[in-house]
């Protein structure tokens, strides 16, 4: 992490921590939000790590967590970095296994939440534009 950034923005570089959660962590750690990450002592860094790893034990409200009422454990969890990616992949695989419509849409790379697909989300199907450009270049050259 970049030690020249302010503490709030340095914490948001961790996947799973947004600005609001970073502000709460800094508040619970009794640190000033304008301090730079590089100027923290080792004990302050360890305290921040403890707050990130065990947010429920350190008084952070459960509505800040990104995984409330987990399917397997039933607990409120806050996942960070690779744990989020693994959990999302396992959720999608579970949906595919149960053959739900969301799982089907995920597997085909389509929009999942009812968005319009007739006019938007065409970035994957832009092959025709490339062919036209190549044909135009062949005509010129």
Protein backbone atom coordinates (compact mmCIF):
# COMPACT_ATOMS: atom_id res chain seq x y z
CA UNK A 1 0.00 0.00 0.00
CA UNK A 2 1.11 3.53 -0.71
CA UNK A 3 2.43 5.22 2.44
CA UNK A 4 1.97 8.73 1.05
CA UNK A 5 -1.82 8.45 0.84
CA UNK A 6 -4.15 9.60 3.56
CA UNK A 7 -5.32 6.82 5.83
CA UNK A 8 -8.91 6.72 4.51
CA UNK A 9 -7.89 6.34 0.88
CA UNK A 10 -5.07 3.92 1.66
CA UNK A 11 -7.52 1.58 3.41
CA UNK A 12 -9.90 1.65 0.44
CA UNK A 13 -7.18 -0.01 -1.66
CA UNK A 14 -8.03 -3.22 0.20
CA UNK A 15 -10.79 -5.01 -1.69
CA UNK A 16 -13.88 -5.12 0.49
CA UNK A 17 -13.26 -1.83 2.31
CA UNK A 18 -14.99 1.28 1.04
CA UNK A 19 -14.68 4.86 2.20
CA UNK A 20 -17.46 4.60 4.78
CA UNK A 21 -16.05 1.47 6.39
CA UNK A 22 -12.54 2.98 6.29
CA UNK A 23 -13.85 6.04 8.15
CA UNK A 24 -15.45 3.82 10.80
CA UNK A 25 -12.24 1.81 11.22
CA UNK A 26 -10.20 4.99 11.63
CA UNK A 27 -12.73 6.33 14.14
CA UNK A 28 -12.62 3.10 16.19
CA UNK A 29 -8.81 3.16 16.11
CA UNK A 30 -8.83 6.78 17.45
CA UNK A 31 -6.70 8.05 14.57
CA UNK A 32 -6.94 11.30 12.64
CA UNK A 33 -8.19 10.68 9.07
CA UNK A 34 -5.67 13.14 7.58
CA UNK A 35 -2.62 11.20 8.78
CA UNK A 36 -0.58 9.46 6.13
CA UNK A 37 -0.31 5.69 6.15
CA UNK A 38 3.49 5.80 6.26
CA UNK A 39 3.52 7.70 9.56
CA UNK A 40 1.65 5.06 11.57
CA UNK A 41 3.43 3.13 14.29
CA UNK A 42 3.53 -0.66 14.31
CA UNK A 43 1.01 -0.86 17.15
CA UNK A 44 -1.44 1.37 15.26
CA UNK A 45 -1.09 -0.79 12.15
CA UNK A 46 -1.71 -3.95 14.20
CA UNK A 47 -4.79 -2.34 15.77
CA UNK A 48 -6.15 -1.47 12.30
CA UNK A 49 -5.48 -5.04 11.12
CA UNK A 50 -7.37 -6.37 14.14
CA UNK A 51 -10.31 -4.07 13.38
CA UNK A 52 -10.39 -5.29 9.77
CA UNK A 53 -10.10 -8.99 10.65
CA UNK A 54 -12.64 -8.98 13.51
CA UNK A 55 -15.04 -6.07 12.95
CA UNK A 56 -17.94 -7.53 14.96
CA UNK A 57 -15.78 -7.96 18.07
CA UNK A 58 -14.55 -4.37 17.82
CA UNK A 59 -17.94 -2.66 17.82
CA UNK A 60 -18.48 -2.07 14.10
CA UNK A 61 -22.21 -2.37 13.30
CA UNK A 62 -23.26 -5.45 11.35
CA UNK A 63 -24.94 -3.42 8.62
CA UNK A 64 -21.44 -2.41 7.43
CA UNK A 65 -20.56 -6.02 6.64
CA UNK A 66 -20.61 -7.32 3.09
CA UNK A 67 -21.85 -10.82 3.97
CA UNK A 68 -24.75 -10.75 6.41
CA UNK A 69 -26.38 -14.03 7.48
CA UNK A 70 -23.96 -16.24 5.59
CA UNK A 71 -25.55 -19.36 4.08
CA UNK A 72 -23.13 -21.82 5.64
CA UNK A 73 -22.59 -20.34 9.09
CA UNK A 74 -25.54 -18.02 9.57
CA UNK A 75 -23.20 -15.38 11.00
CA UNK A 76 -22.54 -11.82 9.88
CA UNK A 77 -19.17 -11.75 8.12
CA UNK A 78 -17.02 -9.14 6.46
CA UNK A 79 -14.81 -10.61 3.77
CA UNK A 80 -11.77 -8.91 2.30
CA UNK A 81 -9.46 -9.44 -0.68
CA UNK A 82 -9.33 -13.00 -2.07
CA UNK A 83 -12.06 -14.26 0.28
CA UNK A 84 -14.63 -12.09 -1.54
CA UNK A 85 -13.69 -13.44 -4.95
CA UNK A 86 -13.76 -17.05 -3.77
CA UNK A 87 -17.13 -16.60 -2.08
CA UNK A 88 -18.67 -14.96 -5.16
CA UNK A 89 -17.38 -17.76 -7.37
CA UNK A 90 -18.79 -20.39 -5.03
CA UNK A 91 -22.15 -18.57 -4.94
CA UNK A 92 -22.30 -18.53 -8.74
CA UNK A 93 -21.36 -22.21 -8.90
CA UNK A 94 -24.11 -23.00 -6.38
CA UNK A 95 -26.62 -21.13 -8.56
CA UNK A 96 -25.44 -23.03 -11.64
CA UNK A 97 -25.69 -26.35 -9.80
CA UNK A 98 -29.28 -25.65 -8.75
CA UNK A 99 -29.98 -24.54 -12.33
CA UNK A 100 -31.47 -21.24 -11.26
CA UNK A 101 -32.11 -18.54 -13.83
CA UNK A 102 -29.43 -16.31 -12.27
CA UNK A 103 -26.92 -19.14 -12.59
CA UNK A 104 -27.86 -19.61 -16.23
CA UNK A 105 -27.40 -15.90 -16.95
CA UNK A 106 -24.05 -15.86 -15.12
CA UNK A 107 -22.79 -18.86 -17.07
CA UNK A 108 -23.64 -17.25 -20.42
CA UNK A 109 -22.19 -13.87 -19.45
CA UNK A 110 -25.52 -12.06 -19.74
CA UNK A 111 -27.08 -9.42 -17.50
CA UNK A 112 -28.46 -11.00 -14.35
CA UNK A 113 -30.68 -8.46 -12.64
CA UNK A 114 -33.29 -7.72 -15.27
CA UNK A 115 -31.46 -4.99 -17.14
CA UNK A 116 -32.18 -4.16 -20.74
CA UNK A 117 -30.05 -6.11 -23.19
CA UNK A 118 -31.43 -5.01 -26.56
CA UNK A 119 -29.44 -1.79 -26.72
CA UNK A 120 -26.89 -1.97 -23.89
CA UNK A 121 -24.18 -4.35 -22.81
CA UNK A 122 -22.93 -4.95 -26.33
CA UNK A 123 -19.24 -4.71 -25.54
CA UNK A 124 -18.76 -8.45 -25.95
CA UNK A 125 -20.50 -8.57 -29.32
CA UNK A 126 -18.57 -5.75 -31.05
CA UNK A 127 -16.84 -8.16 -33.43
CA UNK A 128 -18.72 -6.76 -36.44
CA UNK A 129 -17.25 -3.31 -35.93
CA UNK A 130 -13.75 -4.74 -36.05
CA UNK A 131 -14.48 -6.61 -39.28
CA UNK A 132 -15.76 -3.44 -40.95
CA UNK A 133 -12.64 -1.53 -39.92
CA UNK A 134 -10.39 -4.27 -41.31
CA UNK A 135 -12.36 -4.36 -44.59
CA UNK A 136 -12.06 -0.55 -44.89
CA UNK A 137 -8.29 -0.74 -44.35
CA UNK A 138 -7.98 -3.44 -47.02
CA UNK A 139 -9.83 -1.26 -49.53
CA UNK A 140 -7.53 1.68 -48.84
CA UNK A 141 -4.27 -0.28 -48.97
